[in-house]
Amino acid sequence: RTAGRQARRTLAEMAPGYERQPVLLLT
């Protein structure tokens, strides 16, 4: 806040455009 910014809280805020990998099922 003192630096004029806002802390990033979500994955979308931290890494815009990031697509999660599909879950790997080993069964």
PDB file of all heavy atoms in Angstrom:
ATOM      1  N   ARG A   1       0.825  -1.206   0.000  1.00  0.00           N
ATOM      2  CA  ARG A   1       0.000   0.000   0.000  1.00  0.00           C
ATOM      3  C   ARG A   1       0.865   1.264   0.000  1.00  0.00           C
ATOM      4  O   ARG A   1       0.576   2.230  -0.707  1.00  0.00           O
ATOM      5  CB  ARG A   1      -0.933  -0.002   1.199  1.00  0.00           C
ATOM      6  CG  ARG A   1      -2.100   0.943   1.062  1.00  0.00           C
ATOM      7  CD  ARG A   1      -3.102   0.832   2.204  1.00  0.00           C
ATOM      8  NE  ARG A   1      -3.553  -0.544   2.438  1.00  0.00           N
ATOM      9  CZ  ARG A   1      -3.253  -1.252   3.534  1.00  0.00           C
ATOM     10  NH1 ARG A   1      -2.530  -0.749   4.494  1.00  0.00           N
ATOM     11  NH2 ARG A   1      -3.692  -2.487   3.649  1.00  0.00           N
ATOM     12  N   THR A   2       1.957   1.262   0.789  1.00  0.00           N
ATOM     13  CA  THR A   2       2.828   2.447   0.826  1.00  0.00           C
ATOM     14  C   THR A   2       3.556   2.634  -0.496  1.00  0.00           C
ATOM     15  O   THR A   2       3.925   3.761  -0.845  1.00  0.00           O
ATOM     16  CB  THR A   2       3.846   2.348   1.973  1.00  0.00           C
ATOM     17  OG1 THR A   2       4.604   1.152   1.835  1.00  0.00           O
ATOM     18  CG2 THR A   2       3.163   2.380   3.311  1.00  0.00           C
ATOM     19  N   ALA A   3       3.755   1.558  -1.247  1.00  0.00           N
ATOM     20  CA  ALA A   3       4.402   1.648  -2.558  1.00  0.00           C
ATOM     21  C   ALA A   3       3.392   1.931  -3.664  1.00  0.00           C
ATOM     22  O   ALA A   3       3.765   2.012  -4.836  1.00  0.00           O
ATOM     23  CB  ALA A   3       5.154   0.360  -2.865  1.00  0.00           C
ATOM     24  N   GLY A   4       2.119   2.093  -3.293  1.00  0.00           N
ATOM     25  CA  GLY A   4       1.094   2.373  -4.293  1.00  0.00           C
ATOM     26  C   GLY A   4       0.654   1.147  -5.067  1.00  0.00           C
ATOM     27  O   GLY A   4       0.196   1.257  -6.197  1.00  0.00           O
ATOM     28  N   ARG A   5       0.805   0.001  -4.481  1.00  0.00           N
ATOM     29  CA  ARG A   5       0.423  -1.245  -5.142  1.00  0.00           C
ATOM     30  C   ARG A   5      -0.579  -2.004  -4.304  1.00  0.00           C
ATOM     31  O   ARG A   5      -0.894  -1.623  -3.187  1.00  0.00           O
ATOM     32  CB  ARG A   5       1.656  -2.129  -5.361  1.00  0.00           C
ATOM     33  CG  ARG A   5       2.675  -1.474  -6.226  1.00  0.00           C
ATOM     34  CD  ARG A   5       3.912  -2.324  -6.309  1.00  0.00           C
ATOM     35  NE  ARG A   5       4.476  -2.123  -7.622  1.00  0.00           N
ATOM     36  CZ  ARG A   5       5.042  -3.065  -8.329  1.00  0.00           C
ATOM     37  NH1 ARG A   5       5.155  -4.271  -7.860  1.00  0.00           N
ATOM     38  NH2 ARG A   5       5.522  -2.813  -9.523  1.00  0.00           N
ATOM     39  N   GLN A   6      -1.045  -3.138  -4.839  1.00  0.00           N
ATOM     40  CA  GLN A   6      -1.962  -4.002  -4.121  1.00  0.00           C
ATOM     41  C   GLN A   6      -1.420  -5.424  -4.189  1.00  0.00           C
ATOM     42  O   GLN A   6      -0.944  -5.865  -5.236  1.00  0.00           O
ATOM     43  CB  GLN A   6      -3.356  -3.951  -4.747  1.00  0.00           C
ATOM     44  CG  GLN A   6      -4.369  -4.805  -4.037  1.00  0.00           C
ATOM     45  CD  GLN A   6      -5.737  -4.711  -4.695  1.00  0.00           C
ATOM     46  OE1 GLN A   6      -5.939  -3.924  -5.595  1.00  0.00           O
ATOM     47  NE2 GLN A   6      -6.652  -5.536  -4.243  1.00  0.00           N
ATOM     48  N   ALA A   7      -1.470  -6.121  -3.065  1.00  0.00           N
ATOM     49  CA  ALA A   7      -0.968  -7.494  -3.039  1.00  0.00           C
ATOM     50  C   ALA A   7      -1.827  -8.386  -3.921  1.00  0.00           C
ATOM     51  O   ALA A   7      -3.043  -8.274  -3.932  1.00  0.00           O
ATOM     52  CB  ALA A   7      -0.967  -8.015  -1.605  1.00  0.00           C
ATOM     53  N   ARG A   8      -1.172  -9.277  -4.670  1.00  0.00           N
ATOM     54  CA  ARG A   8      -1.895 -10.219  -5.527  1.00  0.00           C
ATOM     55  C   ARG A   8      -2.343 -11.398  -4.698  1.00  0.00           C
ATOM     56  O   ARG A   8      -1.575 -11.953  -3.917  1.00  0.00           O
ATOM     57  CB  ARG A   8      -0.987 -10.665  -6.659  1.00  0.00           C
ATOM     58  CG  ARG A   8      -0.571  -9.515  -7.542  1.00  0.00           C
ATOM     59  CD  ARG A   8       0.436  -9.964  -8.556  1.00  0.00           C
ATOM     60  NE  ARG A   8       0.834  -8.831  -9.376  1.00  0.00           N
ATOM     61  CZ  ARG A   8       1.872  -8.853 -10.191  1.00  0.00           C
ATOM     62  NH1 ARG A   8       2.607  -9.940 -10.290  1.00  0.00           N
ATOM     63  NH2 ARG A   8       2.174  -7.803 -10.911  1.00  0.00           N
ATOM     64  N   ARG A   9      -3.592 -11.797  -4.865  1.00  0.00           N
ATOM     65  CA  ARG A   9      -4.153 -12.853  -4.027  1.00  0.00           C
ATOM     66  C   ARG A   9      -4.522 -14.120  -4.806  1.00  0.00           C
ATOM     67  O   ARG A   9      -4.499 -15.195  -4.264  1.00  0.00           O
ATOM     68  CB  ARG A   9      -5.419 -12.349  -3.333  1.00  0.00           C
ATOM     69  CG  ARG A   9      -5.181 -11.225  -2.397  1.00  0.00           C
ATOM     70  CD  ARG A   9      -4.719 -11.764  -1.071  1.00  0.00           C
ATOM     71  NE  ARG A   9      -4.615 -10.675  -0.120  1.00  0.00           N
ATOM     72  CZ  ARG A   9      -3.519 -10.404   0.548  1.00  0.00           C
ATOM     73  NH1 ARG A   9      -2.456 -11.130   0.388  1.00  0.00           N
ATOM     74  NH2 ARG A   9      -3.486  -9.395   1.384  1.00  0.00           N
ATOM     75  N   THR A  10      -4.881 -14.006  -6.045  1.00  0.00           N
ATOM     76  CA  THR A  10      -5.343 -15.172  -6.794  1.00  0.00           C
ATOM     77  C   THR A  10      -4.322 -15.564  -7.855  1.00  0.00           C
ATOM     78  O   THR A  10      -3.447 -14.778  -8.224  1.00  0.00           O
ATOM     79  CB  THR A  10      -6.690 -14.885  -7.488  1.00  0.00           C
ATOM     80  OG1 THR A  10      -6.496 -13.850  -8.455  1.00  0.00           O
ATOM     81  CG2 THR A  10      -7.739 -14.454  -6.482  1.00  0.00           C
ATOM     82  N   LEU A  11      -4.446 -16.783  -8.367  1.00  0.00           N
ATOM     83  CA  LEU A  11      -3.552 -17.248  -9.419  1.00  0.00           C
ATOM     84  C   LEU A  11      -3.699 -16.390 -10.669  1.00  0.00           C
ATOM     85  O   LEU A  11      -2.710 -16.087 -11.338  1.00  0.00           O
ATOM     86  CB  LEU A  11      -3.846 -18.721  -9.740  1.00  0.00           C
ATOM     87  CG  LEU A  11      -3.010 -19.355 -10.840  1.00  0.00           C
ATOM     88  CD1 LEU A  11      -1.534 -19.344 -10.482  1.00  0.00           C
ATOM     89  CD2 LEU A  11      -3.481 -20.765 -11.114  1.00  0.00           C
ATOM     90  N   ALA A  12      -4.914 -15.962 -10.977  1.00  0.00           N
ATOM     91  CA  ALA A  12      -5.138 -15.117 -12.156  1.00  0.00           C
ATOM     92  C   ALA A  12      -4.424 -13.771 -12.017  1.00  0.00           C
ATOM     93  O   ALA A  12      -3.933 -13.219 -13.000  1.00  0.00           O
ATOM     94  CB  ALA A  12      -6.633 -14.895 -12.366  1.00  0.00           C
ATOM     95  N   GLU A  13      -4.340 -13.238 -10.807  1.00  0.00           N
ATOM     96  CA  GLU A  13      -3.628 -11.972 -10.590  1.00  0.00           C
ATOM     97  C   GLU A  13      -2.116 -12.180 -10.623  1.00  0.00           C
ATOM     98  O   GLU A  13      -1.377 -11.327 -11.111  1.00  0.00           O
ATOM     99  CB  GLU A  13      -4.024 -11.374  -9.240  1.00  0.00           C
ATOM    100  CG  GLU A  13      -5.447 -10.866  -9.172  1.00  0.00           C
ATOM    101  CD  GLU A  13      -5.820 -10.403  -7.782  1.00  0.00           C
ATOM    102  OE1 GLU A  13      -5.110 -10.759  -6.815  1.00  0.00           O
ATOM    103  OE2 GLU A  13      -6.826  -9.693  -7.654  1.00  0.00           O
ATOM    104  N   MET A  14      -1.654 -13.319 -10.106  1.00  0.00           N
ATOM    105  CA  MET A  14      -0.215 -13.566 -10.035  1.00  0.00           C
ATOM    106  C   MET A  14       0.371 -13.975 -11.383  1.00  0.00           C
ATOM    107  O   MET A  14       1.494 -13.623 -11.701  1.00  0.00           O
ATOM    108  CB  MET A  14       0.072 -14.653  -8.996  1.00  0.00           C
ATOM    109  CG  MET A  14      -0.141 -14.196  -7.583  1.00  0.00           C
ATOM    110  SD  MET A  14       0.372 -15.450  -6.413  1.00  0.00           S
ATOM    111  CE  MET A  14      -1.202 -16.145  -5.981  1.00  0.00           C
ATOM    112  N   ALA A  15      -0.375 -14.735 -12.164  1.00  0.00           N
ATOM    113  CA  ALA A  15       0.123 -15.227 -13.448  1.00  0.00           C
ATOM    114  C   ALA A  15      -0.983 -15.115 -14.489  1.00  0.00           C
ATOM    115  O   ALA A  15      -1.643 -16.106 -14.811  1.00  0.00           O
ATOM    116  CB  ALA A  15       0.596 -16.659 -13.313  1.00  0.00           C
ATOM    117  N   PRO A  16      -1.199 -13.916 -15.032  1.00  0.00           N
ATOM    118  CA  PRO A  16      -2.265 -13.765 -16.034  1.00  0.00           C
ATOM    119  C   PRO A  16      -1.981 -14.632 -17.263  1.00  0.00           C
ATOM    120  O   PRO A  16      -0.857 -14.732 -17.730  1.00  0.00           O
ATOM    121  CB  PRO A  16      -2.200 -12.278 -16.400  1.00  0.00           C
ATOM    122  CG  PRO A  16      -1.404 -11.620 -15.338  1.00  0.00           C
ATOM    123  CD  PRO A  16      -0.526 -12.663 -14.746  1.00  0.00           C
ATOM    124  N   GLY A  17      -3.016 -15.292 -17.774  1.00  0.00           N
ATOM    125  CA  GLY A  17      -2.882 -16.126 -18.962  1.00  0.00           C
ATOM    126  C   GLY A  17      -2.389 -17.530 -18.691  1.00  0.00           C
ATOM    127  O   GLY A  17      -2.278 -18.333 -19.614  1.00  0.00           O
ATOM    128  N   TYR A  18      -2.091 -17.858 -17.446  1.00  0.00           N
ATOM    129  CA  TYR A  18      -1.599 -19.200 -17.116  1.00  0.00           C
ATOM    130  C   TYR A  18      -2.748 -20.195 -17.221  1.00  0.00           C
ATOM    131  O   TYR A  18      -3.826 -19.965 -16.710  1.00  0.00           O
ATOM    132  CB  TYR A  18      -1.029 -19.217 -15.693  1.00  0.00           C
ATOM    133  CG  TYR A  18      -0.568 -20.582 -15.242  1.00  0.00           C
ATOM    134  CD1 TYR A  18       0.660 -21.077 -15.644  1.00  0.00           C
ATOM    135  CD2 TYR A  18      -1.362 -21.363 -14.416  1.00  0.00           C
ATOM    136  CE1 TYR A  18       1.089 -22.332 -15.231  1.00  0.00           C
ATOM    137  CE2 TYR A  18      -0.943 -22.618 -14.004  1.00  0.00           C
ATOM    138  CZ  TYR A  18       0.283 -23.093 -14.413  1.00  0.00           C
ATOM    139  OH  TYR A  18       0.699 -24.325 -14.002  1.00  0.00           O
ATOM    140  N   GLU A  19      -2.501 -21.300 -17.910  1.00  0.00           N
ATOM    141  CA  GLU A  19      -3.501 -22.355 -18.028  1.00  0.00           C
ATOM    142  C   GLU A  19      -3.035 -23.549 -17.220  1.00  0.00           C
ATOM    143  O   GLU A  19      -1.923 -24.043 -17.410  1.00  0.00           O
ATOM    144  CB  GLU A  19      -3.700 -22.755 -19.488  1.00  0.00           C
ATOM    145  CG  GLU A  19      -4.337 -21.665 -20.325  1.00  0.00           C
ATOM    146  CD  GLU A  19      -4.603 -22.126 -21.744  1.00  0.00           C
ATOM    147  OE1 GLU A  19      -4.778 -23.357 -21.954  1.00  0.00           O
ATOM    148  OE2 GLU A  19      -4.638 -21.278 -22.635  1.00  0.00           O
ATOM    149  N   ARG A  20      -3.882 -24.025 -16.336  1.00  0.00           N
ATOM    150  CA  ARG A  20      -3.528 -25.164 -15.504  1.00  0.00           C
ATOM    151  C   ARG A  20      -3.463 -26.430 -16.337  1.00  0.00           C
ATOM    152  O   ARG A  20      -4.212 -26.616 -17.275  1.00  0.00           O
ATOM    153  CB  ARG A  20      -4.550 -25.350 -14.393  1.00  0.00           C
ATOM    154  CG  ARG A  20      -4.495 -24.235 -13.385  1.00  0.00           C
ATOM    155  CD  ARG A  20      -5.424 -24.528 -12.246  1.00  0.00           C
ATOM    156  NE  ARG A  20      -5.359 -23.440 -11.291  1.00  0.00           N
ATOM    157  CZ  ARG A  20      -5.744 -23.558 -10.039  1.00  0.00           C
ATOM    158  NH1 ARG A  20      -6.241 -24.687  -9.603  1.00  0.00           N
ATOM    159  NH2 ARG A  20      -5.657 -22.542  -9.225  1.00  0.00           N
ATOM    160  N   GLN A  21      -2.543 -27.307 -15.961  1.00  0.00           N
ATOM    161  CA  GLN A  21      -2.387 -28.578 -16.651  1.00  0.00           C
ATOM    162  C   GLN A  21      -3.512 -29.521 -16.237  1.00  0.00           C
ATOM    163  O   GLN A  21      -3.993 -29.466 -15.108  1.00  0.00           O
ATOM    164  CB  GLN A  21      -1.040 -29.213 -16.304  1.00  0.00           C
ATOM    165  CG  GLN A  21       0.134 -28.380 -16.751  1.00  0.00           C
ATOM    166  CD  GLN A  21       0.210 -28.292 -18.254  1.00  0.00           C
ATOM    167  OE1 GLN A  21      -0.002 -29.272 -18.953  1.00  0.00           O
ATOM    168  NE2 GLN A  21       0.487 -27.105 -18.766  1.00  0.00           N
ATOM    169  N   PRO A  22      -3.944 -30.409 -17.129  1.00  0.00           N
ATOM    170  CA  PRO A  22      -4.983 -31.373 -16.745  1.00  0.00           C
ATOM    171  C   PRO A  22      -4.453 -32.344 -15.694  1.00  0.00           C
ATOM    172  O   PRO A  22      -3.245 -32.570 -15.586  1.00  0.00           O
ATOM    173  CB  PRO A  22      -5.311 -32.093 -18.049  1.00  0.00           C
ATOM    174  CG  PRO A  22      -4.148 -31.849 -18.929  1.00  0.00           C
ATOM    175  CD  PRO A  22      -3.532 -30.552 -18.509  1.00  0.00           C
ATOM    176  N   VAL A  23      -5.345 -32.908 -14.950  1.00  0.00           N
ATOM    177  CA  VAL A  23      -4.974 -33.851 -13.901  1.00  0.00           C
ATOM    178  C   VAL A  23      -4.552 -35.164 -14.544  1.00  0.00           C
ATOM    179  O   VAL A  23      -5.220 -35.692 -15.428  1.00  0.00           O
ATOM    180  CB  VAL A  23      -6.166 -34.080 -12.946  1.00  0.00           C
ATOM    181  CG1 VAL A  23      -5.829 -35.132 -11.905  1.00  0.00           C
ATOM    182  CG2 VAL A  23      -6.565 -32.783 -12.286  1.00  0.00           C
ATOM    183  N   LEU A  24      -3.420 -35.697 -14.092  1.00  0.00           N
ATOM    184  CA  LEU A  24      -2.910 -36.958 -14.605  1.00  0.00           C
ATOM    185  C   LEU A  24      -3.445 -38.086 -13.737  1.00  0.00           C
ATOM    186  O   LEU A  24      -3.220 -38.121 -12.527  1.00  0.00           O
ATOM    187  CB  LEU A  24      -1.383 -36.969 -14.580  1.00  0.00           C
ATOM    188  CG  LEU A  24      -0.693 -38.257 -15.001  1.00  0.00           C
ATOM    189  CD1 LEU A  24      -1.015 -38.567 -16.461  1.00  0.00           C
ATOM    190  CD2 LEU A  24       0.790 -38.155 -14.782  1.00  0.00           C
ATOM    191  N   LEU A  25      -4.168 -39.006 -14.334  1.00  0.00           N
ATOM    192  CA  LEU A  25      -4.705 -40.150 -13.617  1.00  0.00           C
ATOM    193  C   LEU A  25      -3.838 -41.366 -13.908  1.00  0.00           C
ATOM    194  O   LEU A  25      -3.637 -41.729 -15.064  1.00  0.00           O
ATOM    195  CB  LEU A  25      -6.149 -40.426 -14.033  1.00  0.00           C
ATOM    196  CG  LEU A  25      -7.141 -39.300 -13.779  1.00  0.00           C
ATOM    197  CD1 LEU A  25      -8.515 -39.672 -14.324  1.00  0.00           C
ATOM    198  CD2 LEU A  25      -7.225 -39.001 -12.294  1.00  0.00           C
ATOM    199  N   LEU A  26      -3.320 -41.987 -12.864  1.00  0.00           N
ATOM    200  CA  LEU A  26      -2.436 -43.132 -13.039  1.00  0.00           C
ATOM    201  C   LEU A  26      -3.139 -44.450 -12.750  1.00  0.00           C
ATOM    202  O   LEU A  26      -2.516 -45.425 -12.380  1.00  0.00           O
ATOM    203  CB  LEU A  26      -1.219 -42.979 -12.129  1.00  0.00           C
ATOM    204  CG  LEU A  26      -0.342 -41.775 -12.436  1.00  0.00           C
ATOM    205  CD1 LEU A  26       0.775 -41.670 -11.411  1.00  0.00           C
ATOM    206  CD2 LEU A  26       0.234 -41.868 -13.832  1.00  0.00           C
ATOM    207  N   THR A  27      -4.442 -44.473 -12.931  1.00  0.00           N
ATOM    208  CA  THR A  27      -5.193 -45.704 -12.726  1.00  0.00           C
ATOM    209  C   THR A  27      -5.829 -46.127 -14.049  1.00  0.00           C
ATOM    210  O   THR A  27      -6.101 -45.309 -14.917  1.00  0.00           O
ATOM    211  CB  THR A  27      -6.300 -45.507 -11.679  1.00  0.00           C
ATOM    212  OG1 THR A  27      -7.164 -44.465 -12.110  1.00  0.00           O
ATOM    213  CG2 THR A  27      -5.698 -45.162 -10.328  1.00  0.00           C
TER     214      THR A  27
END
